[in-house]
Amino acid sequence: MSDPVYYIYSNFLERMGFDIVAVPEGPEGINIELLEKKLDQLGDNKKDISFLYIVTVSNPTCTILSSSCQRKLIDVTSRLSNDLGRKVPLFLDKAYENLIHDPNVPERQSALLYDEQGLVYEIYTLSKILAPALRIGYMIGRGCAFTKVMIQRTSDVGFSAPLICQEIASHILDHHVAGQIEKVKQGYHEKAIQTKKWIDEFLGDSIIECRGGQAGFYYYLTFGDIETDEDSGFFKFLTRTTGLADIDGPAEEKRPRVLYIPGQYCVHKRGSLTEIGKRQLRLSYGFEELDNIHKAIQLMQEAIVYTQSL
């Protein structure tokens, strides 16, 4: 899978006994050249590969997997399957793909159009475009032994949303989904543009890279010399845990706080990005209204000044 990663899923995979090979992403998604090098470096362990898992709009960076990169991924997976003499699935997680809100991004095409060997499975969810609590997801792929097993497994464990949620979702998909998606995309696009202006205004001098803004609702920031991990002054200032009353405020009424995901959790712990991850963070503009986002980014500027004074 690509790096930075969706740490909740990568942690889950490791609890299930999988080893993760994390491949750094580039501006168009997972770096294909590095992916091929990683595969070669596995040597005999290549035979143990279970699957490739790629998020087409990355969480945490919101980097969009380009069409050309997607085609190359299929080619790499096809060659790998041929080398191993068995099918290696390529799972494309499209949770955020319906939230590509930048009109300049080319129209997306399904990878299934180019999948000659039946290796591709596309995973979708309604949580991002309708409501998180619906918890309704679905997978598209060729009919085969694997899809039959997935259907049976789902039936056996009852792993599905409550029927009332399914009925609500079905009605919305039949009658309102196009308008709903456009409304959601317009809202996120407006927030993305304004949030980026404030990032440039208040944090620009301290940032060496800012990813995101075209899809989903995250920006992923890389600072030049400001550390963002839980032990950093930056983090402690924003969470009001410095231990200094004039910064934190009184214990019973802390000053306004800013929550973000430190980059230390967004990069894989055995990958090659652990050092730079200490200077990165994921900032969400999805939930809060713009006034609060504005205040939060101003507080981040104050945190930078505080950090530099230490």
C-alpha atoms as a PDB file:
ATOM      1  CA  MET A   1       0.000   0.000   0.000  1.00  0.00           C
ATOM      2  CA  SER A   2       1.046   3.617  -0.444  1.00  0.00           C
ATOM      3  CA  ASP A   3       2.687   5.737   2.231  1.00  0.00           C
ATOM      4  CA  PRO A   4       1.396   7.903   3.971  1.00  0.00           C
ATOM      5  CA  VAL A   5      -1.269   5.366   4.922  1.00  0.00           C
ATOM      6  CA  TYR A   6      -4.711   5.230   6.486  1.00  0.00           C
ATOM      7  CA  TYR A   7      -3.287   4.228   9.832  1.00  0.00           C
ATOM      8  CA  ILE A   8      -6.498   2.699  11.230  1.00  0.00           C
ATOM      9  CA  TYR A   9      -6.668   0.201   8.353  1.00  0.00           C
ATOM     10  CA  SER A  10      -2.933  -0.541   8.316  1.00  0.00           C
ATOM     11  CA  ASN A  11      -3.045  -1.199  12.077  1.00  0.00           C
ATOM     12  CA  PHE A  12      -6.002  -3.504  11.552  1.00  0.00           C
ATOM     13  CA  LEU A  13      -4.166  -5.460   8.864  1.00  0.00           C
ATOM     14  CA  GLU A  14      -1.171  -5.918  11.127  1.00  0.00           C
ATOM     15  CA  ARG A  15      -3.379  -7.138  13.983  1.00  0.00           C
ATOM     16  CA  MET A  16      -4.710  -9.699  11.494  1.00  0.00           C
ATOM     17  CA  GLY A  17      -1.174 -10.945  10.922  1.00  0.00           C
ATOM     18  CA  PHE A  18      -0.268  -9.212   7.661  1.00  0.00           C
ATOM     19  CA  ASP A  19       3.083  -7.532   6.995  1.00  0.00           C
ATOM     20  CA  ILE A  20       2.756  -4.241   5.134  1.00  0.00           C
ATOM     21  CA  VAL A  21       5.139  -3.073   2.441  1.00  0.00           C
ATOM     22  CA  ALA A  22       4.680   0.712   2.391  1.00  0.00           C
ATOM     23  CA  VAL A  23       5.563   2.496  -0.871  1.00  0.00           C
ATOM     24  CA  PRO A  24       5.889   6.326  -0.839  1.00  0.00           C
ATOM     25  CA  GLU A  25       3.405   8.193  -2.998  1.00  0.00           C
ATOM     26  CA  GLY A  26       4.169  10.888  -5.540  1.00  0.00           C
ATOM     27  CA  PRO A  27       2.003  13.677  -6.960  1.00  0.00           C
ATOM     28  CA  GLU A  28      -0.078  11.156  -8.972  1.00  0.00           C
ATOM     29  CA  GLY A  29      -0.456   8.496  -6.302  1.00  0.00           C
ATOM     30  CA  ILE A  30       1.715   5.531  -5.393  1.00  0.00           C
ATOM     31  CA  ASN A  31       5.198   5.780  -6.933  1.00  0.00           C
ATOM     32  CA  ILE A  32       5.175   2.973  -9.516  1.00  0.00           C
ATOM     33  CA  GLU A  33       8.957   2.924  -9.950  1.00  0.00           C
ATOM     34  CA  LEU A  34       9.459   2.500  -6.190  1.00  0.00           C
ATOM     35  CA  LEU A  35       6.707  -0.125  -6.109  1.00  0.00           C
ATOM     36  CA  GLU A  36       8.540  -2.220  -8.695  1.00  0.00           C
ATOM     37  CA  LYS A  37      11.816  -1.839  -6.783  1.00  0.00           C
ATOM     38  CA  LYS A  38      10.122  -2.921  -3.551  1.00  0.00           C
ATOM     39  CA  LEU A  39       8.728  -5.997  -5.284  1.00  0.00           C
ATOM     40  CA  ASP A  40      12.173  -6.921  -6.586  1.00  0.00           C
ATOM     41  CA  GLN A  41      13.726  -6.413  -3.147  1.00  0.00           C
ATOM     42  CA  LEU A  42      11.319  -8.923  -1.623  1.00  0.00           C
ATOM     43  CA  GLY A  43      13.138 -11.744  -3.386  1.00  0.00           C
ATOM     44  CA  ASP A  44      11.652 -15.111  -2.422  1.00  0.00           C
ATOM     45  CA  ASN A  45       9.185 -13.367  -0.106  1.00  0.00           C
ATOM     46  CA  LYS A  46       7.380 -12.069  -3.172  1.00  0.00           C
ATOM     47  CA  LYS A  47       5.527 -15.388  -3.281  1.00  0.00           C
ATOM     48  CA  ASP A  48       3.794 -14.456   0.010  1.00  0.00           C
ATOM     49  CA  ILE A  49       2.115 -11.312  -1.328  1.00  0.00           C
ATOM     50  CA  SER A  50      -1.607 -11.474  -0.565  1.00  0.00           C
ATOM     51  CA  PHE A  51      -2.876  -8.345  -2.317  1.00  0.00           C
ATOM     52  CA  LEU A  52      -2.188  -4.746  -3.267  1.00  0.00           C
ATOM     53  CA  TYR A  53      -4.372  -2.133  -1.559  1.00  0.00           C
ATOM     54  CA  ILE A  54      -4.505   1.377  -3.004  1.00  0.00           C
ATOM     55  CA  VAL A  55      -6.736   4.303  -1.990  1.00  0.00           C
ATOM     56  CA  THR A  56      -7.588   6.247  -5.152  1.00  0.00           C
ATOM     57  CA  VAL A  57      -8.041   9.491  -3.208  1.00  0.00           C
ATOM     58  CA  SER A  58      -5.572   9.123  -0.386  1.00  0.00           C
ATOM     59  CA  ASN A  59      -6.368   9.402   3.259  1.00  0.00           C
ATOM     60  CA  PRO A  60      -4.475  11.279   4.734  1.00  0.00           C
ATOM     61  CA  THR A  61      -3.064  13.340   1.833  1.00  0.00           C
ATOM     62  CA  CYS A  62      -6.078  13.482  -0.547  1.00  0.00           C
ATOM     63  CA  THR A  63      -3.644  12.868  -3.424  1.00  0.00           C
ATOM     64  CA  ILE A  64      -5.650  11.661  -6.429  1.00  0.00           C
ATOM     65  CA  LEU A  65      -4.455   8.503  -8.181  1.00  0.00           C
ATOM     66  CA  SER A  66      -4.036   9.539 -11.824  1.00  0.00           C
ATOM     67  CA  SER A  67      -5.498   7.505 -14.677  1.00  0.00           C
ATOM     68  CA  SER A  68      -2.038   6.714 -16.039  1.00  0.00           C
ATOM     69  CA  CYS A  69      -0.847   5.573 -12.605  1.00  0.00           C
ATOM     70  CA  GLN A  70      -3.945   3.401 -12.280  1.00  0.00           C
ATOM     71  CA  ARG A  71      -3.218   1.724 -15.629  1.00  0.00           C
ATOM     72  CA  LYS A  72       0.405   1.115 -14.578  1.00  0.00           C
ATOM     73  CA  LEU A  73      -0.808  -0.439 -11.327  1.00  0.00           C
ATOM     74  CA  ILE A  74      -2.893  -2.918 -13.292  1.00  0.00           C
ATOM     75  CA  ASP A  75       0.130  -3.747 -15.463  1.00  0.00           C
ATOM     76  CA  VAL A  76       2.358  -4.299 -12.403  1.00  0.00           C
ATOM     77  CA  THR A  77      -0.280  -6.505 -10.750  1.00  0.00           C
ATOM     78  CA  SER A  78      -0.757  -8.488 -13.951  1.00  0.00           C
ATOM     79  CA  ARG A  79       2.967  -9.161 -14.287  1.00  0.00           C
ATOM     80  CA  LEU A  80       3.186 -10.091 -10.613  1.00  0.00           C
ATOM     81  CA  SER A  81       0.297 -12.535 -11.007  1.00  0.00           C
ATOM     82  CA  ASN A  82       1.936 -14.095 -14.060  1.00  0.00           C
ATOM     83  CA  ASP A  83       5.261 -14.425 -12.216  1.00  0.00           C
ATOM     84  CA  LEU A  84       3.634 -16.126  -9.240  1.00  0.00           C
ATOM     85  CA  GLY A  85       1.319 -18.309 -11.290  1.00  0.00           C
ATOM     86  CA  ARG A  86      -1.762 -17.118  -9.394  1.00  0.00           C
ATOM     87  CA  LYS A  87      -4.038 -14.111  -9.249  1.00  0.00           C
ATOM     88  CA  VAL A  88      -2.932 -11.307  -6.915  1.00  0.00           C
ATOM     89  CA  PRO A  89      -5.927  -9.019  -6.229  1.00  0.00           C
ATOM     90  CA  LEU A  90      -5.641  -5.262  -6.660  1.00  0.00           C
ATOM     91  CA  PHE A  91      -8.080  -3.564  -4.294  1.00  0.00           C
ATOM     92  CA  LEU A  92      -8.862   0.056  -5.176  1.00  0.00           C
ATOM     93  CA  ASP A  93     -10.507   1.831  -2.248  1.00  0.00           C
ATOM     94  CA  LYS A  94     -12.696   4.570  -3.738  1.00  0.00           C
ATOM     95  CA  ALA A  95     -14.189   5.906  -0.516  1.00  0.00           C
ATOM     96  CA  TYR A  96     -13.413   9.515  -1.432  1.00  0.00           C
ATOM     97  CA  GLU A  97     -13.679   9.324  -5.215  1.00  0.00           C
ATOM     98  CA  ASN A  98     -17.187  10.794  -5.315  1.00  0.00           C
ATOM     99  CA  LEU A  99     -15.740  13.764  -3.420  1.00  0.00           C
ATOM    100  CA  ILE A 100     -13.401  14.959  -6.187  1.00  0.00           C
ATOM    101  CA  HIS A 101     -14.666  18.530  -6.145  1.00  0.00           C
ATOM    102  CA  ASP A 102     -12.102  20.339  -8.302  1.00  0.00           C
ATOM    103  CA  PRO A 103     -13.750  20.757 -11.755  1.00  0.00           C
ATOM    104  CA  ASN A 104     -10.322  20.758 -13.414  1.00  0.00           C
ATOM    105  CA  VAL A 105      -9.665  17.123 -12.487  1.00  0.00           C
ATOM    106  CA  PRO A 106     -10.278  14.853 -15.529  1.00  0.00           C
ATOM    107  CA  GLU A 107     -13.280  12.541 -15.358  1.00  0.00           C
ATOM    108  CA  ARG A 108     -12.510   9.263 -13.643  1.00  0.00           C
ATOM    109  CA  GLN A 109     -12.681   5.866 -15.331  1.00  0.00           C
ATOM    110  CA  SER A 110     -13.160   2.521 -13.665  1.00  0.00           C
ATOM    111  CA  ALA A 111     -10.061   0.329 -13.550  1.00  0.00           C
ATOM    112  CA  LEU A 112     -12.320  -2.600 -14.403  1.00  0.00           C
ATOM    113  CA  LEU A 113     -12.295  -1.367 -18.014  1.00  0.00           C
ATOM    114  CA  TYR A 114      -8.622  -2.324 -18.310  1.00  0.00           C
ATOM    115  CA  ASP A 115      -8.585  -5.435 -16.131  1.00  0.00           C
ATOM    116  CA  GLU A 116      -8.101  -8.360 -18.503  1.00  0.00           C
ATOM    117  CA  GLN A 117      -7.223 -10.958 -15.870  1.00  0.00           C
ATOM    118  CA  GLY A 118      -9.948 -10.250 -13.320  1.00  0.00           C
ATOM    119  CA  LEU A 119      -7.606  -8.867 -10.662  1.00  0.00           C
ATOM    120  CA  VAL A 120      -9.321  -5.561  -9.811  1.00  0.00           C
ATOM    121  CA  TYR A 121     -11.896  -4.997  -7.085  1.00  0.00           C
ATOM    122  CA  GLU A 122     -13.298  -1.516  -6.457  1.00  0.00           C
ATOM    123  CA  ILE A 123     -14.542  -0.667  -2.978  1.00  0.00           C
ATOM    124  CA  TYR A 124     -17.046   2.137  -2.383  1.00  0.00           C
ATOM    125  CA  THR A 125     -18.959   3.585   0.559  1.00  0.00           C
ATOM    126  CA  LEU A 126     -21.978   5.796   1.085  1.00  0.00           C
ATOM    127  CA  SER A 127     -20.573   7.133   4.360  1.00  0.00           C
ATOM    128  CA  LYS A 128     -18.741  10.049   2.736  1.00  0.00           C
ATOM    129  CA  ILE A 129     -21.535  11.317   0.494  1.00  0.00           C
ATOM    130  CA  LEU A 130     -24.641  10.586   2.589  1.00  0.00           C
ATOM    131  CA  ALA A 131     -23.952  10.059   6.286  1.00  0.00           C
ATOM    132  CA  PRO A 132     -21.172   8.327   8.228  1.00  0.00           C
ATOM    133  CA  ALA A 133     -23.646   6.504  10.474  1.00  0.00           C
ATOM    134  CA  LEU A 134     -25.229   4.666   7.522  1.00  0.00           C
ATOM    135  CA  ARG A 135     -22.109   2.476   7.295  1.00  0.00           C
ATOM    136  CA  ILE A 136     -23.053   1.037   3.935  1.00  0.00           C
ATOM    137  CA  GLY A 137     -20.263  -0.063   1.618  1.00  0.00           C
ATOM    138  CA  TYR A 138     -20.077  -2.216  -1.486  1.00  0.00           C
ATOM    139  CA  MET A 139     -17.519  -3.855  -3.732  1.00  0.00           C
ATOM    140  CA  ILE A 140     -17.475  -4.299  -7.501  1.00  0.00           C
ATOM    141  CA  GLY A 141     -15.518  -7.039  -9.245  1.00  0.00           C
ATOM    142  CA  ARG A 142     -15.870  -9.961 -11.597  1.00  0.00           C
ATOM    143  CA  GLY A 143     -17.981 -12.884 -10.519  1.00  0.00           C
ATOM    144  CA  CYS A 144     -15.531 -15.478  -9.199  1.00  0.00           C
ATOM    145  CA  ALA A 145     -14.782 -17.713  -6.228  1.00  0.00           C
ATOM    146  CA  PHE A 146     -13.559 -14.726  -4.212  1.00  0.00           C
ATOM    147  CA  THR A 147     -16.720 -12.641  -4.697  1.00  0.00           C
ATOM    148  CA  LYS A 148     -18.864 -15.671  -3.811  1.00  0.00           C
ATOM    149  CA  VAL A 149     -16.885 -16.134  -0.614  1.00  0.00           C
ATOM    150  CA  MET A 150     -17.323 -12.441   0.241  1.00  0.00           C
ATOM    151  CA  ILE A 151     -21.098 -12.688  -0.273  1.00  0.00           C
ATOM    152  CA  GLN A 152     -21.296 -15.812   1.854  1.00  0.00           C
ATOM    153  CA  ARG A 153     -19.096 -14.341   4.569  1.00  0.00           C
ATOM    154  CA  THR A 154     -21.246 -11.221   4.751  1.00  0.00           C
ATOM    155  CA  SER A 155     -24.382 -13.336   5.025  1.00  0.00           C
ATOM    156  CA  ASP A 156     -22.906 -15.646   7.656  1.00  0.00           C
ATOM    157  CA  VAL A 157     -21.817 -12.948  10.092  1.00  0.00           C
ATOM    158  CA  GLY A 158     -24.625 -10.489   9.413  1.00  0.00           C
ATOM    159  CA  PHE A 159     -22.020  -7.846   8.658  1.00  0.00           C
ATOM    160  CA  SER A 160     -24.256  -5.219   7.116  1.00  0.00           C
ATOM    161  CA  ALA A 161     -26.012  -1.997   7.986  1.00  0.00           C
ATOM    162  CA  PRO A 162     -29.433  -2.139   9.692  1.00  0.00           C
ATOM    163  CA  LEU A 163     -32.262  -2.671   7.210  1.00  0.00           C
ATOM    164  CA  ILE A 164     -33.770   0.760   7.898  1.00  0.00           C
ATOM    165  CA  CYS A 165     -30.434   2.381   6.930  1.00  0.00           C
ATOM    166  CA  GLN A 166     -30.333   0.287   3.770  1.00  0.00           C
ATOM    167  CA  GLU A 167     -33.865   1.397   2.870  1.00  0.00           C
ATOM    168  CA  ILE A 168     -33.001   5.058   3.490  1.00  0.00           C
ATOM    169  CA  ALA A 169     -29.892   4.765   1.355  1.00  0.00           C
ATOM    170  CA  SER A 170     -31.767   2.953  -1.396  1.00  0.00           C
ATOM    171  CA  HIS A 171     -34.384   5.708  -1.605  1.00  0.00           C
ATOM    172  CA  ILE A 172     -31.719   8.436  -1.716  1.00  0.00           C
ATOM    173  CA  LEU A 173     -29.742   6.583  -4.404  1.00  0.00           C
ATOM    174  CA  ASP A 174     -32.878   6.161  -6.514  1.00  0.00           C
ATOM    175  CA  HIS A 175     -34.150   9.726  -6.229  1.00  0.00           C
ATOM    176  CA  HIS A 176     -31.667  12.227  -4.803  1.00  0.00           C
ATOM    177  CA  VAL A 177     -28.063  11.070  -5.020  1.00  0.00           C
ATOM    178  CA  ALA A 178     -26.960  13.204  -7.994  1.00  0.00           C
ATOM    179  CA  GLY A 179     -28.097  16.418  -6.333  1.00  0.00           C
ATOM    180  CA  GLN A 180     -26.695  15.302  -2.981  1.00  0.00           C
ATOM    181  CA  ILE A 181     -23.232  14.618  -4.433  1.00  0.00           C
ATOM    182  CA  GLU A 182     -23.134  17.965  -6.224  1.00  0.00           C
ATOM    183  CA  LYS A 183     -24.183  19.796  -3.080  1.00  0.00           C
ATOM    184  CA  VAL A 184     -21.524  18.030  -1.005  1.00  0.00           C
ATOM    185  CA  LYS A 185     -18.825  18.627  -3.613  1.00  0.00           C
ATOM    186  CA  GLN A 186     -19.688  22.319  -3.916  1.00  0.00           C
ATOM    187  CA  GLY A 187     -19.514  22.756  -0.142  1.00  0.00           C
ATOM    188  CA  TYR A 188     -16.146  21.049   0.164  1.00  0.00           C
ATOM    189  CA  HIS A 189     -14.729  22.916  -2.824  1.00  0.00           C
ATOM    190  CA  GLU A 190     -15.604  26.287  -1.318  1.00  0.00           C
ATOM    191  CA  LYS A 191     -14.108  25.286   2.027  1.00  0.00           C
ATOM    192  CA  ALA A 192     -10.979  23.897   0.338  1.00  0.00           C
ATOM    193  CA  ILE A 193     -10.321  27.159  -1.510  1.00  0.00           C
ATOM    194  CA  GLN A 194     -10.784  29.333   1.566  1.00  0.00           C
ATOM    195  CA  THR A 195      -8.814  27.026   3.854  1.00  0.00           C
ATOM    196  CA  LYS A 196      -5.896  27.027   1.416  1.00  0.00           C
ATOM    197  CA  LYS A 197      -5.876  30.846   1.402  1.00  0.00           C
ATOM    198  CA  TRP A 198      -5.556  30.867   5.186  1.00  0.00           C
ATOM    199  CA  ILE A 199      -2.857  28.182   5.127  1.00  0.00           C
ATOM    200  CA  ASP A 200      -0.858  30.320   2.700  1.00  0.00           C
ATOM    201  CA  GLU A 201      -1.493  33.486   4.710  1.00  0.00           C
ATOM    202  CA  PHE A 202      -0.710  32.216   8.197  1.00  0.00           C
ATOM    203  CA  LEU A 203       1.503  29.164   7.694  1.00  0.00           C
ATOM    204  CA  GLY A 204       3.023  29.621   4.266  1.00  0.00           C
ATOM    205  CA  ASP A 205       6.517  30.644   5.381  1.00  0.00           C
ATOM    206  CA  SER A 206       6.841  27.522   7.528  1.00  0.00           C
ATOM    207  CA  ILE A 207       5.493  24.961   5.040  1.00  0.00           C
ATOM    208  CA  ILE A 208       7.517  23.252   2.334  1.00  0.00           C
ATOM    209  CA  GLU A 209       4.657  21.163   0.889  1.00  0.00           C
ATOM    210  CA  CYS A 210       0.870  21.205   0.994  1.00  0.00           C
ATOM    211  CA  ARG A 211      -1.060  18.321  -0.559  1.00  0.00           C
ATOM    212  CA  GLY A 212      -4.807  18.036  -1.043  1.00  0.00           C
ATOM    213  CA  GLY A 213      -7.518  20.548  -1.860  1.00  0.00           C
ATOM    214  CA  GLN A 214      -8.933  18.859  -4.975  1.00  0.00           C
ATOM    215  CA  ALA A 215     -10.850  16.035  -3.336  1.00  0.00           C
ATOM    216  CA  GLY A 216     -12.060  14.867   0.045  1.00  0.00           C
ATOM    217  CA  PHE A 217     -11.651  17.212   2.995  1.00  0.00           C
ATOM    218  CA  TYR A 218      -8.036  17.054   4.128  1.00  0.00           C
ATOM    219  CA  TYR A 219      -4.880  19.052   3.633  1.00  0.00           C
ATOM    220  CA  TYR A 220      -1.596  17.322   4.400  1.00  0.00           C
ATOM    221  CA  LEU A 221       1.101  19.750   5.476  1.00  0.00           C
ATOM    222  CA  THR A 222       4.865  19.290   5.621  1.00  0.00           C
ATOM    223  CA  PHE A 223       6.772  21.838   7.697  1.00  0.00           C
ATOM    224  CA  GLY A 224      10.369  22.838   7.119  1.00  0.00           C
ATOM    225  CA  ASP A 225      11.668  22.713  10.687  1.00  0.00           C
ATOM    226  CA  ILE A 226       8.567  22.556  12.905  1.00  0.00           C
ATOM    227  CA  GLU A 227       7.933  19.185  14.512  1.00  0.00           C
ATOM    228  CA  THR A 228       4.304  18.154  14.940  1.00  0.00           C
ATOM    229  CA  ASP A 229       4.421  14.916  16.954  1.00  0.00           C
ATOM    230  CA  GLU A 230       2.815  14.545  20.362  1.00  0.00           C
ATOM    231  CA  ASP A 231       6.028  15.477  22.171  1.00  0.00           C
ATOM    232  CA  SER A 232       6.512  18.698  20.201  1.00  0.00           C
ATOM    233  CA  GLY A 233       5.936  22.207  21.486  1.00  0.00           C
ATOM    234  CA  PHE A 234       3.642  22.778  18.495  1.00  0.00           C
ATOM    235  CA  PHE A 235       1.329  19.939  19.538  1.00  0.00           C
ATOM    236  CA  LYS A 236       1.390  20.859  23.216  1.00  0.00           C
ATOM    237  CA  PHE A 237       0.576  24.501  22.463  1.00  0.00           C
ATOM    238  CA  LEU A 238      -2.447  23.557  20.363  1.00  0.00           C
ATOM    239  CA  THR A 239      -3.719  20.968  22.840  1.00  0.00           C
ATOM    240  CA  ARG A 240      -3.002  23.321  25.777  1.00  0.00           C
ATOM    241  CA  THR A 241      -0.756  20.789  27.497  1.00  0.00           C
ATOM    242  CA  THR A 242       2.411  22.876  27.839  1.00  0.00           C
ATOM    243  CA  GLY A 243       1.988  23.090  31.612  1.00  0.00           C
ATOM    244  CA  LEU A 244       2.167  26.896  31.394  1.00  0.00           C
ATOM    245  CA  ALA A 245      -0.971  28.580  32.728  1.00  0.00           C
ATOM    246  CA  ASP A 246      -0.546  31.693  30.589  1.00  0.00           C
ATOM    247  CA  ILE A 247      -0.652  29.510  27.444  1.00  0.00           C
ATOM    248  CA  ASP A 248      -2.924  26.640  28.458  1.00  0.00           C
ATOM    249  CA  GLY A 249      -5.426  28.663  30.441  1.00  0.00           C
ATOM    250  CA  PRO A 250      -6.974  27.606  33.763  1.00  0.00           C
ATOM    251  CA  ALA A 251      -7.455  23.854  34.265  1.00  0.00           C
ATOM    252  CA  GLU A 252     -11.234  24.196  34.446  1.00  0.00           C
ATOM    253  CA  GLU A 253     -11.486  26.257  31.248  1.00  0.00           C
ATOM    254  CA  LYS A 254      -8.679  25.629  28.792  1.00  0.00           C
ATOM    255  CA  ARG A 255      -8.075  28.090  25.989  1.00  0.00           C
ATOM    256  CA  PRO A 256      -9.280  27.172  22.486  1.00  0.00           C
ATOM    257  CA  ARG A 257      -7.590  24.023  21.190  1.00  0.00           C
ATOM    258  CA  VAL A 258      -6.833  22.672  17.733  1.00  0.00           C
ATOM    259  CA  LEU A 259      -6.923  18.968  16.979  1.00  0.00           C
ATOM    260  CA  TYR A 260      -5.076  17.429  14.045  1.00  0.00           C
ATOM    261  CA  ILE A 261      -3.575  14.047  13.175  1.00  0.00           C
ATOM    262  CA  PRO A 262       0.216  14.185  13.643  1.00  0.00           C
ATOM    263  CA  GLY A 263       2.213  12.874  10.718  1.00  0.00           C
ATOM    264  CA  GLN A 264       3.854  10.327  13.017  1.00  0.00           C
ATOM    265  CA  TYR A 265       0.607   8.326  12.747  1.00  0.00           C
ATOM    266  CA  CYS A 266       0.095   8.957   9.019  1.00  0.00           C
ATOM    267  CA  VAL A 267       3.321   7.316   7.845  1.00  0.00           C
ATOM    268  CA  HIS A 268       4.040   3.636   8.273  1.00  0.00           C
ATOM    269  CA  LYS A 269       6.298   2.926  11.226  1.00  0.00           C
ATOM    270  CA  ARG A 270       8.566   0.650   9.160  1.00  0.00           C
ATOM    271  CA  GLY A 271       8.482   2.771   6.021  1.00  0.00           C
ATOM    272  CA  SER A 272      10.975   5.297   4.703  1.00  0.00           C
ATOM    273  CA  LEU A 273       8.986   8.409   5.730  1.00  0.00           C
ATOM    274  CA  THR A 274       9.201   8.171   9.503  1.00  0.00           C
ATOM    275  CA  GLU A 275      11.582  11.115   9.885  1.00  0.00           C
ATOM    276  CA  ILE A 276       9.681  13.534   7.665  1.00  0.00           C
ATOM    277  CA  GLY A 277       6.471  12.326   9.265  1.00  0.00           C
ATOM    278  CA  LYS A 278       7.571  14.084  12.449  1.00  0.00           C
ATOM    279  CA  ARG A 279       7.087  17.391  10.596  1.00  0.00           C
ATOM    280  CA  GLN A 280       3.753  16.596   8.979  1.00  0.00           C
ATOM    281  CA  LEU A 281       0.097  16.722   9.913  1.00  0.00           C
ATOM    282  CA  ARG A 282      -3.354  16.062   8.502  1.00  0.00           C
ATOM    283  CA  LEU A 283      -5.729  19.008   8.789  1.00  0.00           C
ATOM    284  CA  SER A 284      -9.439  18.396   8.179  1.00  0.00           C
ATOM    285  CA  TYR A 285     -11.787  21.060   6.819  1.00  0.00           C
ATOM    286  CA  GLY A 286     -14.716  18.640   6.614  1.00  0.00           C
ATOM    287  CA  PHE A 287     -16.591  19.111   9.880  1.00  0.00           C
ATOM    288  CA  GLU A 288     -15.948  22.581  11.255  1.00  0.00           C
ATOM    289  CA  GLU A 289     -17.437  25.733   9.786  1.00  0.00           C
ATOM    290  CA  LEU A 290     -15.120  28.236   8.119  1.00  0.00           C
ATOM    291  CA  ASP A 291     -15.052  30.643  11.073  1.00  0.00           C
ATOM    292  CA  ASN A 292     -13.614  27.939  13.322  1.00  0.00           C
ATOM    293  CA  ILE A 293     -11.164  26.796  10.648  1.00  0.00           C
ATOM    294  CA  HIS A 294      -9.947  30.388  10.334  1.00  0.00           C
ATOM    295  CA  LYS A 295      -9.393  30.613  14.095  1.00  0.00           C
ATOM    296  CA  ALA A 296      -7.685  27.225  14.140  1.00  0.00           C
ATOM    297  CA  ILE A 297      -5.139  28.171  11.488  1.00  0.00           C
ATOM    298  CA  GLN A 298      -4.406  31.436  13.282  1.00  0.00           C
ATOM    299  CA  LEU A 299      -3.762  29.422  16.444  1.00  0.00           C
ATOM    300  CA  MET A 300      -1.413  27.193  14.446  1.00  0.00           C
ATOM    301  CA  GLN A 301       0.550  30.308  13.508  1.00  0.00           C
ATOM    302  CA  GLU A 302       0.772  31.195  17.205  1.00  0.00           C
ATOM    303  CA  ALA A 303       1.969  27.639  17.888  1.00  0.00           C
ATOM    304  CA  ILE A 304       4.766  28.101  15.373  1.00  0.00           C
ATOM    305  CA  VAL A 305       5.900  31.311  17.092  1.00  0.00           C
ATOM    306  CA  TYR A 306       5.790  29.541  20.464  1.00  0.00           C
ATOM    307  CA  THR A 307       7.791  26.572  19.124  1.00  0.00           C
ATOM    308  CA  GLN A 308      10.463  28.825  17.660  1.00  0.00           C
ATOM    309  CA  SER A 309      10.864  30.571  21.017  1.00  0.00           C
ATOM    310  CA  LEU A 310      11.717  27.360  22.877  1.00  0.00           C
END
